[in-house]
Amino acid sequence: MATTTLFVEIIIIGAQGAIWLFIIFSSFMDLPNSFDLLGVDFAVLAIPIIALLYTLGIIIDRVSDNIGFKALEYTIRDRVMHKIAGEYSKNVIKENIHISWTPIRRFILSTPQQEGLLFDYYRHRIRIMRSSALNFLLTAIGLLIFLLRQNPLYYSIVLFGIIISILLCCLCAFAWWRLVLSWSRLACRGYIDYLKHNDKNKERNKRNE
């Protein structure tokens, strides 16, 4: 199920990328010749198209992760981690505690399948929002190139498309930020609850000795 979900995500990301690639391609080509491609029997090319979309999706996913989103995610994650660790130190154990992301990652990987689905849910949507923000930004740039080179008859429609693409880019970036924040809180609080449970077990074992 997780593998199928990941495959569909990559295809969606690749399909979004194919849109701005086609727009840029059309900007530098004769429009009638470009739209002649629409007459091709795409059913025959279904498998090659899916393969290309999958490859394009992987590339866009990796690029979007490495152009700044990864660094921002680490920053958000670390701030949440230190804040929750500070609350735990102050309100529960009454002493300073330092936690790193490595044990939290191990905790996530060791969670039961049912609980792990929630972590996967967030990660899937973080990936889609991150890549979609980049795709919509490139769509806006592609439409701008199209507008400058082709001088289309429907100028206002293309301009409207640019505005909508920029708006969607901003919304996807905001949704990505909120999802990363929620995922980081979920992971850190889950790990803190795990530590609390271990502390209670240690106290119980000491009493029984």
N, C-alpha and C. Protein backbone atom coordinates (compact mmCIF):
# COMPACT_ATOMS: atom_id res chain seq x y z
N MET A 1 0.84 -1.21 0.00
CA MET A 1 0.00 0.00 0.00
C MET A 1 0.87 1.26 0.00
N ALA A 2 1.92 1.28 0.88
CA ALA A 2 2.80 2.44 0.97
C ALA A 2 3.55 2.64 -0.34
N THR A 3 3.97 1.52 -0.96
CA THR A 3 4.70 1.60 -2.23
C THR A 3 3.81 2.17 -3.32
N THR A 4 2.55 1.71 -3.37
CA THR A 4 1.60 2.21 -4.37
C THR A 4 1.34 3.70 -4.17
N THR A 5 1.17 4.11 -2.91
CA THR A 5 0.94 5.53 -2.61
C THR A 5 2.11 6.38 -3.06
N LEU A 6 3.33 5.91 -2.77
CA LEU A 6 4.52 6.64 -3.18
C LEU A 6 4.61 6.74 -4.70
N PHE A 7 4.27 5.65 -5.40
CA PHE A 7 4.31 5.65 -6.86
C PHE A 7 3.33 6.68 -7.42
N VAL A 8 2.12 6.71 -6.87
CA VAL A 8 1.11 7.67 -7.33
C VAL A 8 1.57 9.10 -7.07
N GLU A 9 2.18 9.34 -5.91
CA GLU A 9 2.68 10.67 -5.59
C GLU A 9 3.70 11.14 -6.62
N ILE A 10 4.65 10.27 -6.94
CA ILE A 10 5.69 10.63 -7.91
C ILE A 10 5.08 10.91 -9.28
N ILE A 11 4.07 10.11 -9.66
CA ILE A 11 3.39 10.34 -10.95
C ILE A 11 2.69 11.69 -10.96
N ILE A 12 2.03 12.05 -9.84
CA ILE A 12 1.35 13.35 -9.73
C ILE A 12 2.37 14.49 -9.87
N ILE A 13 3.49 14.36 -9.17
CA ILE A 13 4.53 15.38 -9.25
C ILE A 13 5.07 15.49 -10.68
N GLY A 14 5.28 14.33 -11.32
CA GLY A 14 5.77 14.33 -12.70
C GLY A 14 4.77 14.93 -13.67
N ALA A 15 3.46 14.67 -13.45
CA ALA A 15 2.41 15.23 -14.31
C ALA A 15 2.37 16.75 -14.19
N GLN A 16 2.55 17.26 -12.96
CA GLN A 16 2.60 18.71 -12.78
C GLN A 16 3.80 19.30 -13.52
N GLY A 17 4.93 18.59 -13.43
CA GLY A 17 6.12 19.06 -14.12
C GLY A 17 5.96 19.04 -15.63
N ALA A 18 5.22 18.04 -16.13
CA ALA A 18 5.01 17.95 -17.58
C ALA A 18 4.23 19.15 -18.10
N ILE A 19 3.38 19.75 -17.26
CA ILE A 19 2.59 20.90 -17.68
C ILE A 19 3.50 22.08 -17.99
N TRP A 20 4.39 22.44 -17.04
CA TRP A 20 5.24 23.60 -17.30
C TRP A 20 6.30 23.31 -18.37
N LEU A 21 6.70 22.05 -18.49
CA LEU A 21 7.62 21.70 -19.57
C LEU A 21 6.95 21.90 -20.94
N PHE A 22 5.67 21.49 -21.04
CA PHE A 22 4.93 21.66 -22.29
C PHE A 22 4.73 23.13 -22.62
N ILE A 23 4.45 23.94 -21.57
CA ILE A 23 4.25 25.38 -21.78
C ILE A 23 5.52 26.02 -22.31
N ILE A 24 6.66 25.69 -21.69
CA ILE A 24 7.93 26.25 -22.14
C ILE A 24 8.26 25.75 -23.55
N PHE A 25 8.00 24.47 -23.80
CA PHE A 25 8.23 23.90 -25.13
C PHE A 25 7.40 24.63 -26.19
N SER A 26 6.15 24.92 -25.85
CA SER A 26 5.26 25.62 -26.78
C SER A 26 5.70 27.05 -27.02
N SER A 27 6.38 27.64 -26.03
CA SER A 27 6.83 29.02 -26.16
C SER A 27 7.87 29.19 -27.26
N PHE A 28 8.64 28.13 -27.50
CA PHE A 28 9.73 28.21 -28.47
C PHE A 28 9.41 27.48 -29.78
N MET A 29 8.16 27.02 -29.90
CA MET A 29 7.75 26.28 -31.10
C MET A 29 6.59 26.99 -31.77
N ASP A 30 6.36 26.58 -33.01
CA ASP A 30 5.19 27.08 -33.73
C ASP A 30 3.95 26.44 -33.10
N LEU A 31 3.03 27.25 -32.62
CA LEU A 31 1.88 26.74 -31.87
C LEU A 31 1.08 25.68 -32.62
N PRO A 32 0.73 25.87 -33.88
CA PRO A 32 -0.01 24.81 -34.57
C PRO A 32 0.71 23.47 -34.56
N ASN A 33 2.03 23.51 -34.74
CA ASN A 33 2.79 22.26 -34.72
C ASN A 33 2.84 21.66 -33.33
N SER A 34 2.87 22.51 -32.33
CA SER A 34 2.89 22.02 -30.95
C SER A 34 1.60 21.30 -30.61
N PHE A 35 0.49 21.90 -31.00
CA PHE A 35 -0.80 21.31 -30.64
C PHE A 35 -1.16 20.13 -31.54
N ASP A 36 -0.40 19.90 -32.60
CA ASP A 36 -0.60 18.69 -33.40
C ASP A 36 -0.31 17.45 -32.58
N LEU A 37 0.49 17.61 -31.50
CA LEU A 37 0.80 16.47 -30.63
C LEU A 37 -0.46 15.93 -29.96
N LEU A 38 -1.48 16.79 -29.84
CA LEU A 38 -2.71 16.35 -29.19
C LEU A 38 -3.44 15.30 -30.01
N GLY A 39 -3.10 15.19 -31.28
CA GLY A 39 -3.74 14.19 -32.12
C GLY A 39 -3.10 12.81 -32.03
N VAL A 40 -2.02 12.70 -31.27
CA VAL A 40 -1.34 11.41 -31.12
C VAL A 40 -2.19 10.49 -30.26
N ASP A 41 -2.18 9.20 -30.58
CA ASP A 41 -2.90 8.21 -29.78
C ASP A 41 -2.09 7.92 -28.52
N PHE A 42 -2.45 8.60 -27.42
CA PHE A 42 -1.67 8.47 -26.20
C PHE A 42 -1.88 7.12 -25.52
N ALA A 43 -2.92 6.40 -25.88
CA ALA A 43 -3.13 5.06 -25.31
C ALA A 43 -1.97 4.13 -25.68
N VAL A 44 -1.45 4.32 -26.90
CA VAL A 44 -0.32 3.50 -27.36
C VAL A 44 0.94 3.85 -26.58
N LEU A 45 1.03 5.12 -26.18
CA LEU A 45 2.23 5.59 -25.50
C LEU A 45 2.07 5.63 -23.98
N ALA A 46 1.04 4.97 -23.46
CA ALA A 46 0.72 5.07 -22.03
C ALA A 46 1.90 4.66 -21.14
N ILE A 47 2.48 3.51 -21.43
CA ILE A 47 3.58 3.01 -20.58
C ILE A 47 4.80 3.91 -20.66
N PRO A 48 5.26 4.29 -21.88
CA PRO A 48 6.40 5.23 -21.94
C PRO A 48 6.11 6.56 -21.25
N ILE A 49 4.87 7.06 -21.38
CA ILE A 49 4.52 8.33 -20.75
C ILE A 49 4.58 8.21 -19.23
N ILE A 50 4.01 7.12 -18.68
CA ILE A 50 4.04 6.90 -17.23
C ILE A 50 5.49 6.80 -16.74
N ALA A 51 6.32 6.08 -17.52
CA ALA A 51 7.73 5.95 -17.15
C ALA A 51 8.43 7.30 -17.13
N LEU A 52 8.14 8.14 -18.13
CA LEU A 52 8.75 9.47 -18.19
C LEU A 52 8.25 10.35 -17.04
N LEU A 53 6.93 10.27 -16.76
CA LEU A 53 6.38 11.06 -15.66
C LEU A 53 6.98 10.64 -14.33
N TYR A 54 7.19 9.35 -14.17
CA TYR A 54 7.77 8.83 -12.92
C TYR A 54 9.20 9.34 -12.76
N THR A 55 9.97 9.28 -13.84
CA THR A 55 11.35 9.77 -13.79
C THR A 55 11.40 11.26 -13.52
N LEU A 56 10.53 12.01 -14.23
CA LEU A 56 10.46 13.45 -14.02
C LEU A 56 10.05 13.78 -12.59
N GLY A 57 9.10 13.01 -12.05
CA GLY A 57 8.64 13.22 -10.68
C GLY A 57 9.75 13.03 -9.67
N ILE A 58 10.58 12.01 -9.86
CA ILE A 58 11.70 11.76 -8.95
C ILE A 58 12.68 12.92 -9.00
N ILE A 59 12.97 13.40 -10.22
CA ILE A 59 13.92 14.51 -10.38
C ILE A 59 13.40 15.77 -9.68
N ILE A 60 12.12 16.09 -9.91
CA ILE A 60 11.53 17.29 -9.30
C ILE A 60 11.50 17.16 -7.78
N ASP A 61 11.17 15.97 -7.29
CA ASP A 61 11.13 15.73 -5.84
C ASP A 61 12.50 15.97 -5.23
N ARG A 62 13.56 15.46 -5.87
CA ARG A 62 14.92 15.63 -5.34
C ARG A 62 15.36 17.08 -5.43
N VAL A 63 15.04 17.74 -6.55
CA VAL A 63 15.44 19.13 -6.72
C VAL A 63 14.75 20.01 -5.68
N SER A 64 13.44 19.82 -5.51
CA SER A 64 12.68 20.63 -4.55
C SER A 64 13.19 20.43 -3.13
N ASP A 65 13.66 19.22 -2.83
CA ASP A 65 14.16 18.92 -1.49
C ASP A 65 15.50 19.60 -1.23
N ASN A 66 16.26 19.87 -2.29
CA ASN A 66 17.62 20.35 -2.12
C ASN A 66 17.83 21.82 -2.45
N ILE A 67 16.76 22.53 -2.82
CA ILE A 67 16.91 23.95 -3.15
C ILE A 67 16.62 24.86 -1.96
N GLY A 68 16.39 24.28 -0.80
CA GLY A 68 16.11 25.09 0.38
C GLY A 68 15.08 24.49 1.31
N PHE A 69 14.20 23.64 0.78
CA PHE A 69 13.16 23.05 1.62
C PHE A 69 13.75 22.16 2.71
N LYS A 70 14.81 21.41 2.37
CA LYS A 70 15.42 20.52 3.37
C LYS A 70 15.99 21.32 4.53
N ALA A 71 16.71 22.40 4.22
CA ALA A 71 17.30 23.24 5.27
C ALA A 71 16.22 23.86 6.14
N LEU A 72 15.14 24.33 5.51
CA LEU A 72 14.04 24.91 6.27
C LEU A 72 13.36 23.86 7.15
N GLU A 73 13.20 22.65 6.61
CA GLU A 73 12.58 21.58 7.39
C GLU A 73 13.43 21.24 8.61
N TYR A 74 14.75 21.18 8.44
CA TYR A 74 15.64 20.90 9.57
C TYR A 74 15.53 22.00 10.63
N THR A 75 15.42 23.25 10.18
CA THR A 75 15.31 24.36 11.11
C THR A 75 14.02 24.28 11.92
N ILE A 76 12.91 24.03 11.22
CA ILE A 76 11.61 23.90 11.90
C ILE A 76 11.64 22.72 12.87
N ARG A 77 12.17 21.61 12.41
CA ARG A 77 12.24 20.39 13.21
C ARG A 77 13.04 20.60 14.49
N ASP A 78 14.20 21.25 14.36
CA ASP A 78 15.07 21.45 15.52
C ASP A 78 14.44 22.40 16.53
N ARG A 79 13.77 23.44 16.04
CA ARG A 79 13.11 24.38 16.96
C ARG A 79 12.01 23.69 17.75
N VAL A 80 11.21 22.88 17.05
CA VAL A 80 10.14 22.14 17.73
C VAL A 80 10.73 21.16 18.73
N MET A 81 11.78 20.47 18.34
CA MET A 81 12.41 19.48 19.20
C MET A 81 12.93 20.11 20.49
N HIS A 82 13.63 21.25 20.37
CA HIS A 82 14.19 21.91 21.55
C HIS A 82 13.09 22.48 22.44
N LYS A 83 12.02 22.97 21.83
CA LYS A 83 10.92 23.52 22.61
C LYS A 83 10.21 22.44 23.42
N ILE A 84 9.91 21.32 22.78
CA ILE A 84 9.20 20.24 23.47
C ILE A 84 10.11 19.59 24.51
N ALA A 85 11.40 19.44 24.19
CA ALA A 85 12.35 18.89 25.16
C ALA A 85 12.46 19.80 26.38
N GLY A 86 12.43 21.13 26.13
CA GLY A 86 12.49 22.08 27.23
C GLY A 86 11.26 21.98 28.13
N GLU A 87 10.08 21.82 27.53
CA GLU A 87 8.84 21.66 28.32
C GLU A 87 8.89 20.39 29.15
N TYR A 88 9.41 19.32 28.56
CA TYR A 88 9.53 18.04 29.26
C TYR A 88 10.50 18.17 30.43
N SER A 89 11.63 18.86 30.20
CA SER A 89 12.63 19.04 31.25
C SER A 89 12.08 19.87 32.41
N LYS A 90 11.33 20.91 32.08
CA LYS A 90 10.84 21.83 33.10
C LYS A 90 9.66 21.26 33.88
N ASN A 91 8.74 20.62 33.20
CA ASN A 91 7.48 20.22 33.83
C ASN A 91 7.44 18.79 34.32
N VAL A 92 8.32 17.92 33.82
CA VAL A 92 8.22 16.50 34.17
C VAL A 92 9.41 16.03 35.00
N ILE A 93 10.61 16.09 34.45
CA ILE A 93 11.76 15.51 35.17
C ILE A 93 12.52 16.55 35.99
N LYS A 94 12.17 17.82 35.84
CA LYS A 94 12.75 18.91 36.61
C LYS A 94 14.28 19.02 36.45
N GLU A 95 14.79 18.61 35.34
CA GLU A 95 16.21 18.76 35.05
C GLU A 95 16.39 18.89 33.54
N ASN A 96 17.50 19.48 33.15
CA ASN A 96 17.74 19.68 31.73
C ASN A 96 17.98 18.37 31.01
N ILE A 97 17.44 18.26 29.81
CA ILE A 97 17.62 17.07 29.00
C ILE A 97 17.92 17.50 27.57
N HIS A 98 18.82 16.80 26.95
CA HIS A 98 19.16 17.09 25.56
C HIS A 98 18.79 15.88 24.71
N ILE A 99 17.98 16.11 23.70
CA ILE A 99 17.64 15.02 22.79
C ILE A 99 18.03 15.42 21.38
N SER A 100 18.40 14.43 20.60
CA SER A 100 18.77 14.67 19.20
C SER A 100 17.75 13.99 18.30
N TRP A 101 17.87 14.25 17.00
CA TRP A 101 16.89 13.71 16.07
C TRP A 101 17.12 12.23 15.79
N THR A 102 18.33 11.73 16.02
CA THR A 102 18.64 10.33 15.72
C THR A 102 17.76 9.36 16.50
N PRO A 103 17.65 9.49 17.83
CA PRO A 103 16.74 8.58 18.55
C PRO A 103 15.27 8.77 18.19
N ILE A 104 14.90 9.99 17.83
CA ILE A 104 13.52 10.23 17.41
C ILE A 104 13.24 9.48 16.10
N ARG A 105 14.22 9.51 15.18
CA ARG A 105 14.06 8.79 13.92
C ARG A 105 13.95 7.28 14.17
N ARG A 106 14.75 6.77 15.10
CA ARG A 106 14.66 5.35 15.45
C ARG A 106 13.29 5.02 16.04
N PHE A 107 12.79 5.95 16.86
CA PHE A 107 11.46 5.75 17.46
C PHE A 107 10.39 5.67 16.39
N ILE A 108 10.46 6.57 15.39
CA ILE A 108 9.48 6.58 14.30
C ILE A 108 9.52 5.27 13.53
N LEU A 109 10.72 4.80 13.23
CA LEU A 109 10.88 3.56 12.45
C LEU A 109 10.42 2.34 13.23
N SER A 110 10.43 2.43 14.57
CA SER A 110 10.06 1.26 15.39
C SER A 110 8.60 1.29 15.83
N THR A 111 7.85 2.33 15.45
CA THR A 111 6.45 2.40 15.86
C THR A 111 5.62 1.32 15.17
N PRO A 112 4.58 0.82 15.85
CA PRO A 112 3.70 -0.18 15.23
C PRO A 112 3.11 0.34 13.91
N GLN A 113 2.73 -0.57 13.06
CA GLN A 113 2.27 -0.20 11.72
C GLN A 113 1.11 0.77 11.75
N GLN A 114 0.14 0.56 12.65
CA GLN A 114 -1.03 1.42 12.70
C GLN A 114 -0.65 2.86 13.06
N GLU A 115 0.26 3.01 14.04
CA GLU A 115 0.70 4.34 14.44
C GLU A 115 1.62 4.94 13.38
N GLY A 116 2.41 4.08 12.73
CA GLY A 116 3.32 4.55 11.71
C GLY A 116 2.61 5.12 10.50
N LEU A 117 1.36 4.71 10.27
CA LEU A 117 0.59 5.22 9.14
C LEU A 117 0.39 6.73 9.23
N LEU A 118 0.26 7.23 10.47
CA LEU A 118 0.07 8.67 10.65
C LEU A 118 1.34 9.43 10.27
N PHE A 119 2.49 8.89 10.64
CA PHE A 119 3.76 9.51 10.25
C PHE A 119 3.90 9.50 8.73
N ASP A 120 3.55 8.37 8.12
CA ASP A 120 3.61 8.26 6.65
C ASP A 120 2.67 9.25 5.98
N TYR A 121 1.48 9.40 6.58
CA TYR A 121 0.48 10.34 6.04
C TYR A 121 1.08 11.74 5.91
N TYR A 122 1.74 12.19 6.98
CA TYR A 122 2.35 13.52 6.95
C TYR A 122 3.48 13.59 5.94
N ARG A 123 4.34 12.56 5.90
CA ARG A 123 5.49 12.59 5.00
C ARG A 123 5.05 12.62 3.54
N HIS A 124 4.00 11.87 3.19
CA HIS A 124 3.49 11.86 1.82
C HIS A 124 3.03 13.25 1.41
N ARG A 125 2.30 13.90 2.28
CA ARG A 125 1.76 15.21 1.94
C ARG A 125 2.82 16.30 1.97
N ILE A 126 3.81 16.14 2.82
CA ILE A 126 4.93 17.07 2.81
C ILE A 126 5.64 17.00 1.47
N ARG A 127 5.85 15.80 0.96
CA ARG A 127 6.53 15.61 -0.33
C ARG A 127 5.73 16.25 -1.47
N ILE A 128 4.42 16.02 -1.48
CA ILE A 128 3.58 16.56 -2.55
C ILE A 128 3.54 18.09 -2.50
N MET A 129 3.36 18.67 -1.31
CA MET A 129 3.29 20.13 -1.20
C MET A 129 4.61 20.78 -1.56
N ARG A 130 5.71 20.17 -1.16
CA ARG A 130 7.04 20.71 -1.48
C ARG A 130 7.27 20.75 -2.99
N SER A 131 6.99 19.64 -3.64
CA SER A 131 7.19 19.56 -5.09
C SER A 131 6.17 20.41 -5.84
N SER A 132 4.93 20.47 -5.35
CA SER A 132 3.90 21.26 -6.01
C SER A 132 4.23 22.75 -5.97
N ALA A 133 4.81 23.20 -4.86
CA ALA A 133 5.20 24.61 -4.76
C ALA A 133 6.21 24.95 -5.86
N LEU A 134 7.18 24.06 -6.07
CA LEU A 134 8.17 24.28 -7.14
C LEU A 134 7.52 24.20 -8.51
N ASN A 135 6.64 23.22 -8.71
CA ASN A 135 5.99 23.06 -10.02
C ASN A 135 5.12 24.26 -10.38
N PHE A 136 4.35 24.77 -9.44
CA PHE A 136 3.50 25.93 -9.72
C PHE A 136 4.33 27.18 -9.98
N LEU A 137 5.47 27.30 -9.28
CA LEU A 137 6.36 28.43 -9.55
C LEU A 137 6.91 28.35 -10.98
N LEU A 138 7.33 27.16 -11.39
CA LEU A 138 7.85 26.98 -12.74
C LEU A 138 6.75 27.11 -13.79
N THR A 139 5.52 26.76 -13.42
CA THR A 139 4.39 26.97 -14.33
C THR A 139 4.18 28.46 -14.58
N ALA A 140 4.26 29.25 -13.51
CA ALA A 140 4.12 30.71 -13.65
C ALA A 140 5.23 31.27 -14.53
N ILE A 141 6.46 30.79 -14.33
CA ILE A 141 7.59 31.25 -15.16
C ILE A 141 7.39 30.82 -16.62
N GLY A 142 6.91 29.58 -16.82
CA GLY A 142 6.64 29.10 -18.17
C GLY A 142 5.58 29.91 -18.87
N LEU A 143 4.52 30.27 -18.15
CA LEU A 143 3.46 31.10 -18.74
C LEU A 143 3.97 32.50 -19.06
N LEU A 144 4.86 33.01 -18.23
CA LEU A 144 5.44 34.33 -18.50
C LEU A 144 6.29 34.29 -19.77
N ILE A 145 7.09 33.23 -19.92
CA ILE A 145 7.88 33.07 -21.15
C ILE A 145 6.97 32.95 -22.36
N PHE A 146 5.89 32.16 -22.20
CA PHE A 146 4.91 31.99 -23.27
C PHE A 146 4.29 33.33 -23.66
N LEU A 147 4.00 34.14 -22.64
CA LEU A 147 3.37 35.44 -22.87
C LEU A 147 4.31 36.38 -23.64
N LEU A 148 5.58 36.35 -23.29
CA LEU A 148 6.54 37.25 -23.92
C LEU A 148 6.92 36.82 -25.34
N ARG A 149 6.93 35.52 -25.57
CA ARG A 149 7.39 35.03 -26.88
C ARG A 149 6.27 34.84 -27.90
N GLN A 150 5.11 34.42 -27.45
CA GLN A 150 4.04 34.09 -28.38
C GLN A 150 3.05 35.22 -28.62
N ASN A 151 3.00 36.18 -27.68
CA ASN A 151 2.03 37.28 -27.80
C ASN A 151 0.63 36.72 -28.09
N PRO A 152 0.12 35.91 -27.16
CA PRO A 152 -1.14 35.20 -27.41
C PRO A 152 -2.34 36.13 -27.54
N LEU A 153 -3.35 35.64 -28.25
CA LEU A 153 -4.58 36.42 -28.41
C LEU A 153 -5.30 36.57 -27.08
N TYR A 154 -5.26 35.49 -26.28
CA TYR A 154 -5.94 35.51 -24.98
C TYR A 154 -4.96 35.95 -23.90
N TYR A 155 -4.51 37.18 -24.02
CA TYR A 155 -3.50 37.73 -23.11
C TYR A 155 -3.97 37.68 -21.66
N SER A 156 -5.22 38.09 -21.44
CA SER A 156 -5.74 38.17 -20.07
C SER A 156 -5.83 36.79 -19.42
N ILE A 157 -6.14 35.75 -20.23
CA ILE A 157 -6.24 34.38 -19.69
C ILE A 157 -4.87 33.89 -19.23
N VAL A 158 -3.84 34.12 -20.05
CA VAL A 158 -2.49 33.70 -19.68
C VAL A 158 -2.02 34.46 -18.45
N LEU A 159 -2.31 35.76 -18.39
CA LEU A 159 -1.94 36.56 -17.23
C LEU A 159 -2.65 36.05 -15.98
N PHE A 160 -3.92 35.68 -16.14
CA PHE A 160 -4.68 35.11 -15.02
C PHE A 160 -4.04 33.79 -14.58
N GLY A 161 -3.59 33.00 -15.54
CA GLY A 161 -2.92 31.74 -15.22
C GLY A 161 -1.65 31.96 -14.42
N ILE A 162 -0.91 33.02 -14.75
CA ILE A 162 0.31 33.34 -14.01
C ILE A 162 -0.02 33.69 -12.56
N ILE A 163 -1.04 34.51 -12.38
CA ILE A 163 -1.44 34.93 -11.02
C ILE A 163 -1.90 33.72 -10.21
N ILE A 164 -2.72 32.86 -10.82
CA ILE A 164 -3.22 31.67 -10.12
C ILE A 164 -2.06 30.74 -9.76
N SER A 165 -1.10 30.58 -10.68
CA SER A 165 0.05 29.70 -10.41
C SER A 165 0.88 30.20 -9.25
N ILE A 166 1.09 31.52 -9.20
CA ILE A 166 1.86 32.10 -8.08
C ILE A 166 1.10 31.93 -6.77
N LEU A 167 -0.22 32.14 -6.82
CA LEU A 167 -1.05 31.96 -5.63
C LEU A 167 -1.00 30.52 -5.14
N LEU A 168 -1.11 29.56 -6.07
CA LEU A 168 -1.05 28.15 -5.69
C LEU A 168 0.33 27.78 -5.14
N CYS A 169 1.37 28.37 -5.70
CA CYS A 169 2.73 28.15 -5.18
C CYS A 169 2.83 28.59 -3.73
N CYS A 170 2.29 29.77 -3.43
CA CYS A 170 2.32 30.30 -2.06
C CYS A 170 1.50 29.42 -1.11
N LEU A 171 0.33 28.98 -1.58
CA LEU A 171 -0.52 28.13 -0.75
C LEU A 171 0.14 26.79 -0.47
N CYS A 172 0.78 26.21 -1.47
CA CYS A 172 1.48 24.93 -1.29
C CYS A 172 2.64 25.08 -0.31
N ALA A 173 3.38 26.20 -0.43
CA ALA A 173 4.50 26.46 0.49
C ALA A 173 3.99 26.61 1.92
N PHE A 174 2.86 27.31 2.08
CA PHE A 174 2.27 27.48 3.41
C PHE A 174 1.80 26.13 3.97
N ALA A 175 1.13 25.33 3.12
CA ALA A 175 0.67 24.01 3.55
C ALA A 175 1.85 23.13 3.92
N TRP A 176 2.95 23.22 3.15
CA TRP A 176 4.16 22.45 3.47
C TRP A 176 4.68 22.83 4.85
N TRP A 177 4.75 24.13 5.11
CA TRP A 177 5.24 24.61 6.41
C TRP A 177 4.39 24.08 7.56
N ARG A 178 3.06 24.13 7.40
CA ARG A 178 2.17 23.65 8.45
C ARG A 178 2.30 22.14 8.65
N LEU A 179 2.45 21.41 7.56
CA LEU A 179 2.60 19.96 7.66
C LEU A 179 3.91 19.57 8.33
N VAL A 180 5.00 20.26 7.98
CA VAL A 180 6.29 19.98 8.63
C VAL A 180 6.21 20.28 10.12
N LEU A 181 5.55 21.38 10.47
CA LEU A 181 5.38 21.75 11.87
C LEU A 181 4.59 20.69 12.62
N SER A 182 3.48 20.24 12.04
CA SER A 182 2.63 19.23 12.69
C SER A 182 3.36 17.89 12.81
N TRP A 183 4.08 17.52 11.73
CA TRP A 183 4.82 16.26 11.75
C TRP A 183 5.92 16.27 12.81
N SER A 184 6.63 17.39 12.92
CA SER A 184 7.71 17.51 13.91
C SER A 184 7.16 17.43 15.32
N ARG A 185 6.02 18.09 15.56
CA ARG A 185 5.39 18.03 16.89
C ARG A 185 4.95 16.62 17.21
N LEU A 186 4.35 15.96 16.24
CA LEU A 186 3.88 14.59 16.44
C LEU A 186 5.03 13.66 16.78
N ALA A 187 6.12 13.77 16.03
CA ALA A 187 7.28 12.90 16.24
C ALA A 187 7.93 13.16 17.60
N CYS A 188 8.13 14.45 17.94
CA CYS A 188 8.80 14.79 19.19
C CYS A 188 7.95 14.43 20.41
N ARG A 189 6.66 14.72 20.34
CA ARG A 189 5.79 14.40 21.47
C ARG A 189 5.62 12.89 21.63
N GLY A 190 5.60 12.19 20.50
CA GLY A 190 5.54 10.73 20.58
C GLY A 190 6.78 10.17 21.23
N TYR A 191 7.93 10.74 20.92
CA TYR A 191 9.18 10.27 21.53
C TYR A 191 9.23 10.61 23.02
N ILE A 192 8.75 11.81 23.38
CA ILE A 192 8.71 12.20 24.79
C ILE A 192 7.79 11.27 25.58
N ASP A 193 6.64 10.93 25.01
CA ASP A 193 5.73 9.99 25.67
C ASP A 193 6.40 8.63 25.84
N TYR A 194 7.20 8.26 24.86
CA TYR A 194 7.95 7.01 24.93
C TYR A 194 8.96 7.06 26.09
N LEU A 195 9.63 8.20 26.26
CA LEU A 195 10.56 8.35 27.38
C LEU A 195 9.84 8.31 28.72
N LYS A 196 8.68 8.97 28.78
CA LYS A 196 7.89 8.95 30.01
C LYS A 196 7.50 7.53 30.38
N HIS A 197 7.06 6.77 29.40
CA HIS A 197 6.67 5.39 29.63
C HIS A 197 7.85 4.57 30.15
N ASN A 198 9.03 4.78 29.56
CA ASN A 198 10.22 4.07 30.02
C ASN A 198 10.60 4.45 31.44
N ASP A 199 10.45 5.75 31.77
CA ASP A 199 10.76 6.20 33.13
C ASP A 199 9.83 5.55 34.15
N LYS A 200 8.55 5.45 33.79
CA LYS A 200 7.59 4.81 34.70
C LYS A 200 7.93 3.34 34.90
N ASN A 201 8.33 2.68 33.83
CA ASN A 201 8.70 1.26 33.94
C ASN A 201 9.94 1.08 34.82
N LYS A 202 10.90 2.01 34.70
CA LYS A 202 12.11 1.92 35.52
C LYS A 202 11.77 2.11 37.00
N GLU A 203 10.89 3.07 37.29
CA GLU A 203 10.47 3.30 38.67
C GLU A 203 9.74 2.09 39.23
N ARG A 204 8.89 1.48 38.41
CA ARG A 204 8.15 0.30 38.83
C ARG A 204 9.09 -0.87 39.11
N ASN A 205 10.09 -1.02 38.27
CA ASN A 205 11.06 -2.10 38.46
C ASN A 205 11.88 -1.91 39.73
N LYS A 206 12.23 -0.63 40.04
CA LYS A 206 12.98 -0.36 41.25
C LYS A 206 12.17 -0.70 42.49
N ARG A 207 10.88 -0.40 42.45
CA ARG A 207 10.01 -0.71 43.59
C ARG A 207 9.87 -2.21 43.80
N ASN A 208 9.88 -2.93 42.71
CA ASN A 208 9.71 -4.38 42.80
C ASN A 208 10.98 -5.09 43.26
N GLU A 209 12.12 -4.43 43.13
CA GLU A 209 13.39 -5.05 43.53
C GLU A 209 13.53 -5.12 45.05
